[in-house]
Amino acid sequence: MTTRCLLAFVLLSATLTASFDVAQDAPSASRGAQSRPEFEVASVRSSSDQPNQVSVGLRITGSQLRVSYLSLRDYIAMAYNLRPNQITAPDWTAQQRYDIVATIPAGGSMTQVPEMLQSLLADRFRLVIHRERKEFPVYALTVGKNGPKISPLPPAAETDPGKPPAVNVAASGTGNGVAVDLGGGSSFSLGNNKLEARRMTMAQFADVLTRFVDRPVLDMTQLTGQYNLTLDIAPEDYTAILVRSAVNQGVSLPAQALRALDTASGNPFGPPLQQLGFALDARLAPLDVIVVDSAMKTPTDN
């Protein structure tokens, strides 16, 4: 599979957790699995290989959850509401792919899905973890001194408040680019030296940028609306951010591909963000880390 074809599942992992619309303070990793809610039934299987095109996604409709073509590291990130680069784990956890189909029990809610995933990973993968807190180099996404040069979008039409919204997040990609649909009108695409985001919060956009740079991007804009943003990327930086996204996910690449990082800008998004009235400032910040103590490559029988 080419570096560009790897993009679809590399990018999606950073955005799935936000689709649950749960609180940022994820449940503590020290809690026992029996104290967490569980899926009524669940199937975990290895994904089929798709060498030329990838299609990954998350869908929750009613009590049914389906997630396809994600790595164990991705699922841990979803379960504990962290970015994949905040997980310390063996390389294989970023390389092997799994599909999960599960049923939320009667009386359960979508907000409990991350905790149910925690129980499922502990049961089927015998996952044992612990938490740490470390200081990381980060980029702070901030508003420039003259303010943003884009305006928030009008609020989206409200859905039926008496009906739980369906979650339908999907990504697809080929060597020509990648497109990610986050549902609710939010999406982003990368192709032709351009990153385009539609109806995104700045927190979501910071997560997208994180996939392409050498450190986490934290939203410090204090902007609360949704925005359309388009970044024109220099051609020499475009190839490098594709390589960086794969490296961030733990994908092994040949030395020839890695050379693209040698001549690339250290902050490829700085100039295009400045055009929109934003900046990426390098600094240090403490972040939570999940450390995988042990896990099985082959999940136990369904």
Protein backbone atom coordinates (compact mmCIF):
# COMPACT_ATOMS: atom_id res chain seq x y z
CA MET A 1 0.00 0.00 0.00
CA THR A 2 1.45 3.41 -0.94
CA THR A 3 2.01 6.19 1.58
CA ARG A 4 -0.88 8.17 0.13
CA CYS A 5 -3.24 5.21 0.29
CA LEU A 6 -2.36 4.87 3.99
CA LEU A 7 -3.81 8.33 4.64
CA ALA A 8 -7.47 7.42 5.02
CA PHE A 9 -7.12 5.30 8.14
CA VAL A 10 -4.23 7.40 9.46
CA LEU A 11 -6.40 10.53 9.45
CA LEU A 12 -9.64 9.05 10.68
CA SER A 13 -8.22 7.85 14.01
CA ALA A 14 -7.75 11.44 15.19
CA THR A 15 -11.39 12.35 14.65
CA LEU A 16 -13.49 9.37 15.73
CA THR A 17 -13.45 10.04 19.46
CA ALA A 18 -14.83 13.54 19.02
CA SER A 19 -17.80 12.08 17.17
CA PHE A 20 -19.04 10.50 20.42
CA ASP A 21 -19.52 14.03 21.81
CA VAL A 22 -18.42 12.94 25.27
CA ALA A 23 -16.69 14.93 28.01
CA GLN A 24 -12.96 15.46 27.63
CA ASP A 25 -12.17 13.94 31.03
CA ALA A 26 -12.10 10.30 29.92
CA PRO A 27 -12.72 7.59 32.57
CA SER A 28 -9.66 6.70 34.59
CA ALA A 29 -7.52 3.87 33.27
CA SER A 30 -7.09 2.56 36.80
CA ARG A 31 -10.74 1.52 37.14
CA GLY A 32 -11.41 -2.19 36.92
CA ALA A 33 -13.05 -3.56 33.81
CA GLN A 34 -16.00 -4.90 35.82
CA SER A 35 -16.92 -1.37 36.95
CA ARG A 36 -17.38 -0.25 33.34
CA PRO A 37 -20.42 -0.81 31.13
CA GLU A 38 -20.11 -3.46 28.43
CA PHE A 39 -21.58 -4.13 25.00
CA GLU A 40 -24.39 -6.66 24.96
CA VAL A 41 -22.61 -8.63 22.21
CA ALA A 42 -19.54 -7.80 20.15
CA SER A 43 -17.56 -9.26 17.26
CA VAL A 44 -13.87 -8.44 16.71
CA ARG A 45 -12.23 -9.63 13.49
CA SER A 46 -9.09 -8.90 11.51
CA SER A 47 -9.75 -6.58 8.57
CA SER A 48 -9.33 -7.78 5.01
CA ASP A 49 -6.40 -6.23 3.15
CA GLN A 50 -7.16 -3.42 0.69
CA PRO A 51 -3.85 -2.65 -1.07
CA ASN A 52 -4.96 0.03 -3.55
CA GLN A 53 -7.78 1.85 -1.81
CA VAL A 54 -8.86 2.15 1.79
CA SER A 55 -12.27 2.81 3.26
CA VAL A 56 -12.67 3.11 6.99
CA GLY A 57 -15.42 4.35 9.20
CA LEU A 58 -17.53 4.46 12.33
CA ARG A 59 -21.29 4.19 12.36
CA ILE A 60 -23.68 4.15 15.33
CA THR A 61 -27.37 3.80 14.55
CA GLY A 62 -29.73 3.01 17.37
CA SER A 63 -28.05 0.26 19.38
CA GLN A 64 -25.68 -0.88 16.62
CA LEU A 65 -22.01 0.16 16.38
CA ARG A 66 -19.75 -0.70 13.44
CA VAL A 67 -16.10 0.34 13.16
CA SER A 68 -13.89 -0.83 10.31
CA TYR A 69 -10.20 -1.00 9.43
CA LEU A 70 -8.64 0.58 12.51
CA SER A 71 -5.59 -0.49 14.50
CA LEU A 72 -5.55 -1.46 18.17
CA ARG A 73 -3.79 1.84 18.88
CA ASP A 74 -6.68 3.67 17.20
CA TYR A 75 -9.23 1.82 19.32
CA ILE A 76 -7.29 2.62 22.49
CA ALA A 77 -7.28 6.29 21.47
CA MET A 78 -11.06 6.17 20.97
CA ALA A 79 -11.66 4.36 24.26
CA TYR A 80 -9.58 6.75 26.36
CA ASN A 81 -10.21 9.97 24.41
CA LEU A 82 -6.57 10.55 23.46
CA ARG A 83 -4.64 11.12 20.27
CA PRO A 84 -2.74 8.06 18.97
CA ASN A 85 0.60 9.80 19.57
CA GLN A 86 -0.28 9.92 23.29
CA ILE A 87 -0.16 6.12 23.40
CA THR A 88 3.07 4.24 24.08
CA ALA A 89 2.71 0.74 22.67
CA PRO A 90 4.49 -1.89 20.55
CA ASP A 91 4.75 -1.11 16.83
CA TRP A 92 2.33 -3.89 15.84
CA THR A 93 -0.55 -2.10 17.61
CA ALA A 94 -0.42 0.55 14.86
CA GLN A 95 -0.06 -1.88 11.97
CA GLN A 96 -2.64 -4.66 12.26
CA ARG A 97 -6.25 -3.71 11.44
CA TYR A 98 -9.51 -4.87 13.03
CA ASP A 99 -13.27 -4.53 12.48
CA ILE A 100 -15.67 -4.30 15.40
CA VAL A 101 -19.44 -4.85 15.31
CA ALA A 102 -21.22 -4.43 18.66
CA THR A 103 -24.63 -3.91 20.23
CA ILE A 104 -25.23 -1.28 22.92
CA PRO A 105 -27.39 -2.88 25.64
CA ALA A 106 -30.89 -1.68 26.48
CA GLY A 107 -30.61 1.34 28.75
CA GLY A 108 -27.11 2.13 27.50
CA SER A 109 -26.24 5.37 25.77
CA MET A 110 -23.85 6.62 23.11
CA THR A 111 -21.85 8.49 25.76
CA GLN A 112 -20.95 5.13 27.33
CA VAL A 113 -19.42 3.74 24.13
CA PRO A 114 -15.82 4.71 25.06
CA GLU A 115 -16.12 2.86 28.37
CA MET A 116 -17.68 -0.12 26.60
CA LEU A 117 -14.70 -0.12 24.25
CA GLN A 118 -12.39 -0.15 27.27
CA SER A 119 -14.13 -3.28 28.54
CA LEU A 120 -14.05 -4.91 25.12
CA LEU A 121 -10.32 -4.27 24.62
CA ALA A 122 -9.52 -5.64 28.07
CA ASP A 123 -11.61 -8.76 27.37
CA ARG A 124 -10.73 -9.63 23.77
CA PHE A 125 -7.15 -8.31 23.53
CA ARG A 126 -6.26 -8.87 27.21
CA LEU A 127 -5.19 -5.22 27.16
CA VAL A 128 -3.38 -4.03 30.30
CA ILE A 129 -2.45 -0.34 30.54
CA HIS A 130 -1.47 2.40 32.93
CA ARG A 131 -1.56 6.20 32.76
CA GLU A 132 1.30 8.66 32.93
CA ARG A 133 1.54 12.40 32.48
CA LYS A 134 4.43 13.81 30.47
CA GLU A 135 5.53 17.15 29.12
CA PHE A 136 5.46 17.23 25.33
CA PRO A 137 6.59 19.67 22.67
CA VAL A 138 3.32 20.94 21.16
CA TYR A 139 2.03 23.54 18.76
CA ALA A 140 -0.50 26.01 20.15
CA LEU A 141 -3.06 27.03 17.53
CA THR A 142 -3.69 30.69 18.34
CA VAL A 143 -5.36 33.73 16.82
CA GLY A 144 -2.96 36.24 15.24
CA LYS A 145 -2.59 39.76 16.61
CA ASN A 146 -4.99 41.17 13.99
CA GLY A 147 -7.68 38.56 14.61
CA PRO A 148 -9.03 35.81 12.36
CA LYS A 149 -9.73 36.61 8.72
CA ILE A 150 -12.57 34.10 8.50
CA SER A 151 -16.07 34.27 9.97
CA PRO A 152 -18.02 31.58 11.84
CA LEU A 153 -20.74 29.80 9.92
CA PRO A 154 -24.44 30.13 10.79
CA PRO A 155 -25.59 27.38 13.18
CA ALA A 156 -26.57 24.13 11.48
CA ALA A 157 -30.22 23.13 11.46
CA GLU A 158 -31.14 21.32 14.68
CA THR A 159 -32.09 17.67 14.57
CA ASP A 160 -35.10 16.21 16.39
CA PRO A 161 -34.20 16.72 20.08
CA GLY A 162 -36.24 13.65 21.03
CA LYS A 163 -34.25 11.34 18.76
CA PRO A 164 -30.61 10.38 19.46
CA PRO A 165 -28.47 11.46 16.49
CA ALA A 166 -26.84 8.78 14.37
CA VAL A 167 -23.05 8.86 14.21
CA ASN A 168 -21.69 8.19 10.76
CA VAL A 169 -17.99 8.93 10.25
CA ALA A 170 -16.23 7.64 7.15
CA ALA A 171 -12.98 8.09 5.28
CA SER A 172 -11.78 6.96 1.90
CA GLY A 173 -8.63 7.59 -0.05
CA THR A 174 -6.41 6.70 -2.97
CA GLY A 175 -3.06 7.98 -4.17
CA ASN A 176 -4.81 11.14 -5.37
CA GLY A 177 -6.01 12.27 -1.97
CA VAL A 178 -8.22 11.54 1.00
CA ALA A 179 -11.68 12.65 2.14
CA VAL A 180 -13.10 12.32 5.65
CA ASP A 181 -16.79 12.83 6.44
CA LEU A 182 -17.36 13.50 10.14
CA GLY A 183 -21.14 13.69 9.87
CA GLY A 184 -23.32 16.68 10.71
CA GLY A 185 -21.92 18.59 7.73
CA SER A 186 -18.31 18.49 9.03
CA SER A 187 -15.65 17.13 6.71
CA PHE A 188 -12.12 17.65 5.44
CA SER A 189 -10.16 16.62 2.39
CA LEU A 190 -6.51 16.61 1.37
CA GLY A 191 -5.40 16.62 -2.25
CA ASN A 192 -3.71 18.73 -4.93
CA ASN A 193 -1.51 20.53 -2.37
CA LYS A 194 -4.53 21.73 -0.44
CA LEU A 195 -6.18 20.96 2.90
CA GLU A 196 -9.86 21.92 3.02
CA ALA A 197 -11.99 21.77 6.17
CA ARG A 198 -15.75 22.33 6.15
CA ARG A 199 -17.94 23.23 9.14
CA MET A 200 -15.28 22.40 11.70
CA THR A 201 -14.68 23.67 15.19
CA MET A 202 -11.16 24.88 15.85
CA ALA A 203 -10.67 21.96 18.25
CA GLN A 204 -11.51 19.53 15.44
CA PHE A 205 -9.23 21.41 13.07
CA ALA A 206 -6.35 21.25 15.58
CA ASP A 207 -6.80 17.46 15.69
CA VAL A 208 -6.62 17.33 11.90
CA LEU A 209 -3.39 19.35 11.84
CA THR A 210 -1.89 17.03 14.46
CA ARG A 211 -1.88 14.20 11.92
CA PHE A 212 0.62 16.04 9.72
CA VAL A 213 3.19 17.57 12.06
CA ASP A 214 5.80 16.29 14.49
CA ARG A 215 3.91 17.21 17.68
CA PRO A 216 0.33 17.56 18.97
CA VAL A 217 -1.60 20.70 18.02
CA LEU A 218 -3.68 22.20 20.85
CA ASP A 219 -6.55 24.57 20.18
CA MET A 220 -5.93 27.78 22.14
CA THR A 221 -7.95 30.11 19.92
CA GLN A 222 -10.93 30.34 22.32
CA LEU A 223 -13.17 30.38 19.23
CA THR A 224 -16.37 28.40 19.68
CA GLY A 225 -18.02 28.47 16.25
CA GLN A 226 -17.69 26.29 13.17
CA TYR A 227 -15.61 27.43 10.21
CA ASN A 228 -14.63 26.68 6.64
CA LEU A 229 -10.84 26.76 6.20
CA THR A 230 -8.63 26.17 3.17
CA LEU A 231 -4.84 25.89 3.44
CA ASP A 232 -2.68 26.00 0.31
CA ILE A 233 0.41 23.90 0.98
CA ALA A 234 3.77 24.28 -0.73
CA PRO A 235 4.41 21.28 -3.04
CA GLU A 236 7.62 20.30 -1.23
CA ASP A 237 5.76 20.35 2.09
CA TYR A 238 2.75 18.43 0.74
CA THR A 239 4.73 15.24 0.18
CA ALA A 240 6.40 15.62 3.57
CA ILE A 241 3.13 15.91 5.48
CA LEU A 242 1.91 12.71 3.84
CA VAL A 243 5.04 10.95 5.07
CA ARG A 244 4.72 12.54 8.51
CA SER A 245 1.12 11.34 8.88
CA ALA A 246 2.21 7.76 8.28
CA VAL A 247 5.19 8.06 10.64
CA ASN A 248 2.96 9.49 13.38
CA GLN A 249 0.74 6.43 13.12
CA GLY A 250 3.66 4.03 13.44
CA VAL A 251 3.69 2.91 9.81
CA SER A 252 7.08 1.66 8.59
CA LEU A 253 8.25 3.46 5.44
CA PRO A 254 11.30 2.96 3.21
CA ALA A 255 14.28 5.28 3.60
CA GLN A 256 13.52 6.90 0.26
CA ALA A 257 10.13 8.10 1.51
CA LEU A 258 11.57 9.33 4.81
CA ARG A 259 14.02 11.59 2.98
CA ALA A 260 11.10 13.91 2.23
CA LEU A 261 11.25 15.00 5.88
CA ASP A 262 14.88 16.14 5.57
CA THR A 263 14.15 19.12 3.33
CA ALA A 264 10.61 19.96 4.48
CA SER A 265 9.65 22.97 6.56
CA GLY A 266 9.52 22.38 10.31
CA ASN A 267 6.13 24.11 10.39
CA PRO A 268 4.47 23.56 6.99
CA PHE A 269 1.15 25.04 8.10
CA GLY A 270 2.59 28.26 9.53
CA PRO A 271 2.45 30.40 6.35
CA PRO A 272 -1.02 29.29 5.14
CA LEU A 273 -2.47 29.68 8.64
CA GLN A 274 -1.00 33.17 8.87
CA GLN A 275 -2.95 34.08 5.73
CA LEU A 276 -6.14 33.24 7.65
CA GLY A 277 -5.15 35.14 10.79
CA PHE A 278 -3.85 32.23 12.86
CA ALA A 279 -0.48 30.99 14.11
CA LEU A 280 1.17 27.79 15.33
CA ASP A 281 3.41 28.56 18.29
CA ALA A 282 5.90 25.95 19.53
CA ARG A 283 5.85 25.41 23.30
CA LEU A 284 5.78 22.70 26.00
CA ALA A 285 2.61 21.35 27.63
CA PRO A 286 1.75 18.42 29.95
CA LEU A 287 -0.39 15.70 28.33
CA ASP A 288 -1.85 12.40 29.49
CA VAL A 289 -0.23 9.24 28.11
CA ILE A 290 -1.52 5.68 27.98
CA VAL A 291 1.23 3.05 28.28
CA VAL A 292 0.36 -0.45 27.03
CA ASP A 293 1.85 -2.98 29.43
CA SER A 294 0.61 -6.02 27.51
CA ALA A 295 -1.85 -6.98 24.75
CA MET A 296 -2.55 -9.90 22.41
CA LYS A 297 -2.25 -9.56 18.62
CA THR A 298 -5.05 -12.06 18.01
CA PRO A 299 -8.30 -11.26 19.84
CA THR A 300 -10.02 -14.06 21.73
CA ASP A 301 -12.94 -15.85 20.10
CA ASN A 302 -16.18 -13.92 19.57
